[in-house]
């Protein structure tokens, strides 16, 4: 693998992403917002979804997401 000149962004860190999405049960929208507030840089929720997939972190089903959103977990 070649070296990249780009630095790794927060949402590219598997442990950070796992903590936010799985442990804290935050949505991709909420994670993107936290990233924007922390790093003062733009991040789209679709970017978070792509990185969850790259890290093989299972995405929630629509039903699971709705349950969490409405507080009936």
N, C-alpha and C. Protein backbone atom coordinates (compact mmCIF):
# COMPACT_ATOMS: atom_id res chain seq x y z
N UNK A 1 0.83 -1.19 0.00
CA UNK A 1 0.00 0.00 0.00
C UNK A 1 0.87 1.24 0.00
N UNK A 2 0.46 2.22 -0.77
CA UNK A 2 1.20 3.47 -0.81
C UNK A 2 0.80 4.38 0.33
N UNK A 3 1.68 5.28 0.66
CA UNK A 3 1.37 6.23 1.72
C UNK A 3 0.52 7.36 1.16
N UNK A 4 -0.39 7.81 1.96
CA UNK A 4 -1.25 8.91 1.57
C UNK A 4 -0.77 10.19 2.23
N UNK A 5 -0.87 11.26 1.50
CA UNK A 5 -0.51 12.56 2.07
C UNK A 5 -1.64 13.12 2.92
N UNK A 6 -2.82 12.57 2.74
CA UNK A 6 -3.97 13.03 3.51
C UNK A 6 -3.92 12.46 4.91
N UNK A 7 -4.33 13.25 5.87
CA UNK A 7 -4.42 12.73 7.23
C UNK A 7 -5.79 12.07 7.40
N UNK A 8 -5.87 11.15 8.32
CA UNK A 8 -7.12 10.45 8.59
C UNK A 8 -8.06 11.40 9.33
N UNK A 9 -9.29 11.46 8.86
CA UNK A 9 -10.27 12.29 9.56
C UNK A 9 -10.93 11.47 10.65
N UNK A 10 -11.57 12.17 11.57
CA UNK A 10 -12.17 11.54 12.73
C UNK A 10 -13.13 10.42 12.34
N UNK A 11 -14.01 10.68 11.36
CA UNK A 11 -15.00 9.66 10.99
C UNK A 11 -14.38 8.47 10.27
N UNK A 12 -13.13 8.57 9.86
CA UNK A 12 -12.45 7.44 9.23
C UNK A 12 -11.85 6.49 10.28
N UNK A 13 -11.84 6.91 11.53
CA UNK A 13 -11.31 6.09 12.62
C UNK A 13 -12.38 5.09 13.05
N UNK A 14 -12.08 3.80 12.87
CA UNK A 14 -13.07 2.76 13.14
C UNK A 14 -13.55 2.79 14.59
N UNK A 15 -12.64 2.93 15.53
CA UNK A 15 -13.01 2.91 16.94
C UNK A 15 -13.94 4.07 17.30
N UNK A 16 -13.63 5.26 16.78
CA UNK A 16 -14.46 6.43 17.04
C UNK A 16 -15.85 6.24 16.45
N UNK A 17 -15.89 5.76 15.21
CA UNK A 17 -17.16 5.54 14.53
C UNK A 17 -17.99 4.46 15.23
N UNK A 18 -17.34 3.37 15.63
CA UNK A 18 -18.02 2.29 16.35
C UNK A 18 -18.60 2.80 17.67
N UNK A 19 -17.82 3.60 18.38
CA UNK A 19 -18.29 4.17 19.65
C UNK A 19 -19.55 5.00 19.44
N UNK A 20 -19.53 5.86 18.45
CA UNK A 20 -20.66 6.76 18.21
C UNK A 20 -21.89 6.01 17.69
N UNK A 21 -21.70 5.14 16.71
CA UNK A 21 -22.84 4.49 16.04
C UNK A 21 -23.39 3.31 16.83
N UNK A 22 -22.51 2.45 17.32
CA UNK A 22 -22.96 1.22 17.99
C UNK A 22 -23.18 1.44 19.49
N UNK A 23 -22.18 1.95 20.17
CA UNK A 23 -22.27 2.10 21.62
C UNK A 23 -23.23 3.23 22.03
N UNK A 24 -23.06 4.41 21.40
CA UNK A 24 -23.89 5.55 21.77
C UNK A 24 -25.20 5.60 20.99
N UNK A 25 -25.32 4.73 19.98
CA UNK A 25 -26.53 4.60 19.17
C UNK A 25 -26.94 5.91 18.49
N UNK A 26 -25.94 6.67 18.05
CA UNK A 26 -26.22 7.91 17.33
C UNK A 26 -26.51 7.61 15.88
N UNK A 27 -27.29 8.46 15.24
CA UNK A 27 -27.58 8.30 13.81
C UNK A 27 -26.43 8.86 12.99
N UNK A 28 -26.44 8.55 11.70
CA UNK A 28 -25.41 9.11 10.82
C UNK A 28 -25.52 10.63 10.76
N UNK A 29 -26.73 11.14 10.86
CA UNK A 29 -26.95 12.60 10.86
C UNK A 29 -26.31 13.21 12.11
N UNK A 30 -26.53 12.58 13.25
CA UNK A 30 -25.96 13.08 14.51
C UNK A 30 -24.43 12.99 14.51
N UNK A 31 -23.89 11.90 13.97
CA UNK A 31 -22.44 11.73 13.91
C UNK A 31 -21.83 12.80 13.00
N UNK A 32 -22.46 13.04 11.86
CA UNK A 32 -21.97 14.07 10.94
C UNK A 32 -21.99 15.44 11.63
N UNK A 33 -23.03 15.72 12.39
CA UNK A 33 -23.14 17.00 13.11
C UNK A 33 -22.02 17.12 14.15
N UNK A 34 -21.76 16.06 14.89
CA UNK A 34 -20.68 16.07 15.89
C UNK A 34 -19.34 16.33 15.21
N UNK A 35 -19.12 15.66 14.08
CA UNK A 35 -17.87 15.88 13.34
C UNK A 35 -17.75 17.34 12.92
N UNK A 36 -18.82 17.89 12.37
CA UNK A 36 -18.78 19.29 11.92
C UNK A 36 -18.47 20.23 13.08
N UNK A 37 -19.10 19.99 14.23
CA UNK A 37 -18.88 20.85 15.40
C UNK A 37 -17.48 20.69 15.98
N UNK A 38 -16.97 19.46 15.97
CA UNK A 38 -15.66 19.18 16.54
C UNK A 38 -14.53 19.67 15.65
N UNK A 39 -14.64 19.38 14.37
CA UNK A 39 -13.56 19.68 13.42
C UNK A 39 -13.76 20.97 12.64
N UNK A 40 -14.94 21.56 12.77
CA UNK A 40 -15.27 22.77 12.02
C UNK A 40 -15.09 22.57 10.51
N UNK A 41 -15.49 21.39 10.05
CA UNK A 41 -15.40 21.03 8.63
C UNK A 41 -16.69 20.34 8.24
N UNK A 42 -17.08 20.47 6.97
CA UNK A 42 -18.31 19.88 6.49
C UNK A 42 -18.21 18.35 6.44
N UNK A 43 -19.33 17.68 6.76
CA UNK A 43 -19.43 16.23 6.63
C UNK A 43 -20.88 15.89 6.35
N UNK A 44 -21.11 15.08 5.35
CA UNK A 44 -22.44 14.65 4.98
C UNK A 44 -22.77 13.32 5.65
N UNK A 45 -24.01 13.09 6.10
CA UNK A 45 -24.38 11.80 6.69
C UNK A 45 -24.10 10.61 5.77
N UNK A 46 -24.18 10.82 4.45
CA UNK A 46 -23.86 9.73 3.52
C UNK A 46 -22.39 9.32 3.60
N UNK A 47 -21.54 10.28 3.93
CA UNK A 47 -20.11 9.98 4.12
C UNK A 47 -19.95 9.06 5.32
N UNK A 48 -20.68 9.34 6.38
CA UNK A 48 -20.63 8.49 7.58
C UNK A 48 -21.10 7.08 7.21
N UNK A 49 -22.17 6.97 6.45
CA UNK A 49 -22.68 5.66 6.03
C UNK A 49 -21.62 4.89 5.24
N UNK A 50 -20.94 5.57 4.33
CA UNK A 50 -19.90 4.91 3.53
C UNK A 50 -18.78 4.37 4.41
N UNK A 51 -18.39 5.15 5.42
CA UNK A 51 -17.31 4.70 6.30
C UNK A 51 -17.77 3.57 7.22
N UNK A 52 -19.03 3.57 7.62
CA UNK A 52 -19.54 2.43 8.39
C UNK A 52 -19.41 1.16 7.56
N UNK A 53 -19.78 1.25 6.29
CA UNK A 53 -19.68 0.10 5.39
C UNK A 53 -18.23 -0.32 5.18
N UNK A 54 -17.35 0.65 4.98
CA UNK A 54 -15.92 0.35 4.77
C UNK A 54 -15.33 -0.39 5.97
N UNK A 55 -15.79 0.00 7.17
CA UNK A 55 -15.29 -0.63 8.40
C UNK A 55 -16.08 -1.88 8.77
N UNK A 56 -17.02 -2.27 7.91
CA UNK A 56 -17.86 -3.46 8.15
C UNK A 56 -18.63 -3.37 9.47
N UNK A 57 -19.12 -2.16 9.76
CA UNK A 57 -19.98 -1.95 10.92
C UNK A 57 -21.41 -2.04 10.39
N UNK A 58 -22.18 -2.97 10.91
CA UNK A 58 -23.54 -3.21 10.42
C UNK A 58 -24.42 -1.99 10.61
N UNK A 59 -25.11 -1.66 9.52
CA UNK A 59 -26.05 -0.55 9.56
C UNK A 59 -27.36 -1.03 10.20
N UNK A 60 -28.02 -0.14 10.92
CA UNK A 60 -29.31 -0.47 11.51
C UNK A 60 -30.37 -0.56 10.42
N UNK A 61 -31.37 -1.39 10.68
CA UNK A 61 -32.51 -1.44 9.77
C UNK A 61 -33.35 -0.18 9.97
N UNK A 62 -34.24 0.08 9.05
CA UNK A 62 -35.13 1.23 9.17
C UNK A 62 -35.96 1.14 10.45
N UNK A 63 -36.43 -0.05 10.76
CA UNK A 63 -37.24 -0.24 11.97
C UNK A 63 -36.42 0.07 13.23
N UNK A 64 -35.18 -0.40 13.28
CA UNK A 64 -34.32 -0.12 14.43
C UNK A 64 -34.06 1.39 14.56
N UNK A 65 -33.79 2.02 13.44
CA UNK A 65 -33.52 3.47 13.45
C UNK A 65 -34.73 4.24 13.94
N UNK A 66 -35.91 3.85 13.49
CA UNK A 66 -37.14 4.53 13.91
C UNK A 66 -37.40 4.32 15.40
N UNK A 67 -37.12 3.11 15.89
CA UNK A 67 -37.29 2.84 17.32
C UNK A 67 -36.40 3.75 18.15
N UNK A 68 -35.13 3.87 17.74
CA UNK A 68 -34.20 4.72 18.47
C UNK A 68 -34.63 6.19 18.39
N UNK A 69 -35.07 6.60 17.24
CA UNK A 69 -35.47 8.00 17.02
C UNK A 69 -36.65 8.37 17.90
N UNK A 70 -37.56 7.42 18.11
CA UNK A 70 -38.78 7.71 18.86
C UNK A 70 -38.68 7.26 20.32
N UNK A 71 -37.48 6.85 20.72
CA UNK A 71 -37.23 6.53 22.12
C UNK A 71 -37.92 5.30 22.66
N UNK A 72 -38.31 4.39 21.78
CA UNK A 72 -38.97 3.17 22.26
C UNK A 72 -38.04 1.97 22.09
N UNK A 73 -36.83 2.09 22.63
CA UNK A 73 -35.84 1.00 22.50
C UNK A 73 -35.89 0.10 23.65
